[in-house]
Amino acid sequence: MARILTNVDVKIVNRTRANGNPFAELLHTWVEDGQQRNALSRVPWPVDDTPHNRAFQIAAFKTRQARA
């Protein structure tokens, strides 16, 4: 059965590790079966918080969730 995800959004926050290396946290939020869900992922490089990058990350998230 396919998962139905609505109100999918992502918040992109760039951070710096204690050793000075940059990374980005991606906070995904969505509604599934009427319940609010959250997922936090990290990538080892900075990601600019632009509409294009948010749209790309949302599309990638939906693709990953469709496979699950």
N, C-alpha and C. Protein backbone atom coordinates (compact mmCIF):
# COMPACT_ATOMS: atom_id res chain seq x y z
N MET A 1 0.84 -1.18 0.00
CA MET A 1 0.00 0.00 0.00
C MET A 1 0.89 1.25 0.00
N ALA A 2 0.55 2.19 -0.84
CA ALA A 2 1.33 3.42 -0.97
C ALA A 2 1.11 4.33 0.24
N ARG A 3 2.17 4.97 0.64
CA ARG A 3 2.07 5.93 1.74
C ARG A 3 1.60 7.26 1.16
N ILE A 4 0.65 7.89 1.83
CA ILE A 4 0.14 9.19 1.40
C ILE A 4 0.68 10.25 2.34
N LEU A 5 1.57 11.08 1.81
CA LEU A 5 2.21 12.14 2.59
C LEU A 5 1.64 13.48 2.14
N THR A 6 1.21 14.30 3.07
CA THR A 6 0.71 15.63 2.75
C THR A 6 1.48 16.66 3.57
N ASN A 7 1.40 17.91 3.17
CA ASN A 7 2.05 19.03 3.87
C ASN A 7 3.53 18.77 4.10
N VAL A 8 4.21 18.21 3.11
CA VAL A 8 5.64 17.93 3.23
C VAL A 8 6.42 19.24 3.16
N ASP A 9 7.33 19.44 4.10
CA ASP A 9 8.16 20.63 4.14
C ASP A 9 9.54 20.26 4.68
N VAL A 10 10.50 21.11 4.42
CA VAL A 10 11.85 20.89 4.95
C VAL A 10 12.40 22.23 5.43
N LYS A 11 13.08 22.18 6.54
CA LYS A 11 13.79 23.35 7.07
C LYS A 11 15.27 23.02 7.00
N ILE A 12 16.05 23.89 6.38
CA ILE A 12 17.48 23.67 6.19
C ILE A 12 18.24 24.61 7.12
N VAL A 13 19.10 24.03 7.97
CA VAL A 13 19.89 24.82 8.92
C VAL A 13 21.35 24.42 8.79
N ASN A 14 22.20 25.38 8.46
CA ASN A 14 23.64 25.12 8.40
C ASN A 14 24.24 25.27 9.79
N ARG A 15 25.12 24.34 10.12
CA ARG A 15 25.77 24.35 11.43
C ARG A 15 27.27 24.11 11.25
N THR A 16 28.01 24.24 12.34
CA THR A 16 29.44 23.98 12.34
C THR A 16 29.78 23.05 13.50
N ARG A 17 30.56 22.02 13.19
CA ARG A 17 31.01 21.09 14.24
C ARG A 17 32.04 21.77 15.13
N ALA A 18 32.35 21.14 16.24
CA ALA A 18 33.33 21.69 17.18
C ALA A 18 34.70 21.84 16.52
N ASN A 19 35.01 20.97 15.54
CA ASN A 19 36.31 21.05 14.86
C ASN A 19 36.31 22.07 13.72
N GLY A 20 35.18 22.77 13.51
CA GLY A 20 35.10 23.80 12.49
C GLY A 20 34.53 23.35 11.15
N ASN A 21 34.26 22.06 10.98
CA ASN A 21 33.72 21.57 9.72
C ASN A 21 32.23 21.90 9.61
N PRO A 22 31.80 22.41 8.47
CA PRO A 22 30.38 22.73 8.29
C PRO A 22 29.55 21.48 7.97
N PHE A 23 28.27 21.53 8.29
CA PHE A 23 27.31 20.50 7.89
C PHE A 23 25.93 21.14 7.90
N ALA A 24 24.95 20.45 7.36
CA ALA A 24 23.58 20.97 7.31
C ALA A 24 22.64 19.96 7.94
N GLU A 25 21.67 20.47 8.67
CA GLU A 25 20.59 19.65 9.21
C GLU A 25 19.34 19.92 8.38
N LEU A 26 18.65 18.85 8.01
CA LEU A 26 17.43 18.94 7.23
C LEU A 26 16.29 18.39 8.10
N LEU A 27 15.39 19.26 8.52
CA LEU A 27 14.25 18.84 9.33
C LEU A 27 13.04 18.70 8.41
N HIS A 28 12.68 17.46 8.13
CA HIS A 28 11.52 17.18 7.28
C HIS A 28 10.29 17.06 8.17
N THR A 29 9.20 17.68 7.77
CA THR A 29 7.92 17.54 8.46
C THR A 29 6.85 17.17 7.43
N TRP A 30 5.91 16.32 7.84
CA TRP A 30 4.82 15.94 6.95
C TRP A 30 3.68 15.38 7.78
N VAL A 31 2.54 15.20 7.13
CA VAL A 31 1.37 14.59 7.76
C VAL A 31 1.10 13.27 7.05
N GLU A 32 0.97 12.22 7.85
CA GLU A 32 0.69 10.88 7.32
C GLU A 32 -0.40 10.26 8.17
N ASP A 33 -1.48 9.85 7.54
CA ASP A 33 -2.63 9.26 8.26
C ASP A 33 -3.15 10.19 9.35
N GLY A 34 -3.13 11.49 9.08
CA GLY A 34 -3.64 12.47 10.02
C GLY A 34 -2.71 12.80 11.17
N GLN A 35 -1.52 12.23 11.19
CA GLN A 35 -0.57 12.49 12.28
C GLN A 35 0.64 13.26 11.76
N GLN A 36 1.05 14.25 12.53
CA GLN A 36 2.24 15.04 12.19
C GLN A 36 3.48 14.18 12.42
N ARG A 37 4.37 14.14 11.45
CA ARG A 37 5.61 13.36 11.55
C ARG A 37 6.80 14.27 11.32
N ASN A 38 7.96 13.87 11.86
CA ASN A 38 9.20 14.63 11.71
C ASN A 38 10.34 13.66 11.46
N ALA A 39 11.34 14.13 10.72
CA ALA A 39 12.57 13.36 10.53
C ALA A 39 13.72 14.35 10.40
N LEU A 40 14.81 14.06 11.07
CA LEU A 40 16.00 14.91 11.01
C LEU A 40 17.09 14.14 10.29
N SER A 41 17.69 14.77 9.29
CA SER A 41 18.84 14.15 8.62
C SER A 41 19.95 15.18 8.53
N ARG A 42 21.15 14.67 8.40
CA ARG A 42 22.32 15.55 8.33
C ARG A 42 23.14 15.19 7.10
N VAL A 43 23.70 16.20 6.47
CA VAL A 43 24.62 15.99 5.36
C VAL A 43 25.92 16.70 5.70
N PRO A 44 27.07 16.14 5.30
CA PRO A 44 28.37 16.70 5.72
C PRO A 44 28.84 17.88 4.88
N TRP A 45 27.93 18.68 4.38
CA TRP A 45 28.29 19.88 3.63
C TRP A 45 27.20 20.92 3.85
N PRO A 46 27.51 22.19 3.69
CA PRO A 46 26.48 23.23 3.85
C PRO A 46 25.51 23.21 2.67
N VAL A 47 24.25 23.54 2.93
CA VAL A 47 23.21 23.61 1.91
C VAL A 47 22.53 24.96 2.05
N ASP A 48 22.55 25.75 0.98
CA ASP A 48 21.87 27.05 1.02
C ASP A 48 20.37 26.86 1.12
N ASP A 49 19.72 27.64 1.96
CA ASP A 49 18.27 27.55 2.15
C ASP A 49 17.58 28.42 1.10
N THR A 50 17.45 27.87 -0.11
CA THR A 50 16.80 28.58 -1.22
C THR A 50 15.55 27.80 -1.62
N PRO A 51 14.61 28.43 -2.29
CA PRO A 51 13.42 27.69 -2.74
C PRO A 51 13.78 26.48 -3.62
N HIS A 52 14.80 26.63 -4.46
CA HIS A 52 15.22 25.51 -5.31
C HIS A 52 15.73 24.34 -4.47
N ASN A 53 16.60 24.61 -3.51
CA ASN A 53 17.14 23.54 -2.67
C ASN A 53 16.05 22.89 -1.82
N ARG A 54 15.12 23.69 -1.30
CA ARG A 54 14.02 23.11 -0.52
C ARG A 54 13.17 22.20 -1.40
N ALA A 55 12.86 22.64 -2.62
CA ALA A 55 12.06 21.82 -3.54
C ALA A 55 12.79 20.52 -3.88
N PHE A 56 14.10 20.61 -4.10
CA PHE A 56 14.89 19.42 -4.40
C PHE A 56 14.89 18.45 -3.23
N GLN A 57 15.10 18.96 -2.01
CA GLN A 57 15.13 18.09 -0.83
C GLN A 57 13.77 17.45 -0.57
N ILE A 58 12.68 18.19 -0.80
CA ILE A 58 11.34 17.63 -0.62
C ILE A 58 11.10 16.52 -1.64
N ALA A 59 11.48 16.74 -2.90
CA ALA A 59 11.30 15.71 -3.93
C ALA A 59 12.13 14.47 -3.61
N ALA A 60 13.36 14.66 -3.17
CA ALA A 60 14.21 13.52 -2.80
C ALA A 60 13.62 12.77 -1.61
N PHE A 61 13.08 13.49 -0.63
CA PHE A 61 12.46 12.86 0.53
C PHE A 61 11.25 12.02 0.11
N LYS A 62 10.40 12.58 -0.75
CA LYS A 62 9.22 11.84 -1.21
C LYS A 62 9.62 10.58 -1.97
N THR A 63 10.69 10.66 -2.76
CA THR A 63 11.18 9.49 -3.50
C THR A 63 11.66 8.42 -2.53
N ARG A 64 12.43 8.82 -1.50
CA ARG A 64 12.91 7.84 -0.51
C ARG A 64 11.74 7.21 0.24
N GLN A 65 10.74 8.00 0.61
CA GLN A 65 9.63 7.47 1.37
C GLN A 65 8.75 6.55 0.52
N ALA A 66 8.68 6.79 -0.78
CA ALA A 66 7.90 5.92 -1.67
C ALA A 66 8.52 4.53 -1.75
N ARG A 67 9.85 4.44 -1.58
CA ARG A 67 10.53 3.14 -1.62
C ARG A 67 10.38 2.38 -0.31
N ALA A 68 10.11 3.08 0.78
CA ALA A 68 10.06 2.44 2.11
C ALA A 68 8.81 1.59 2.28
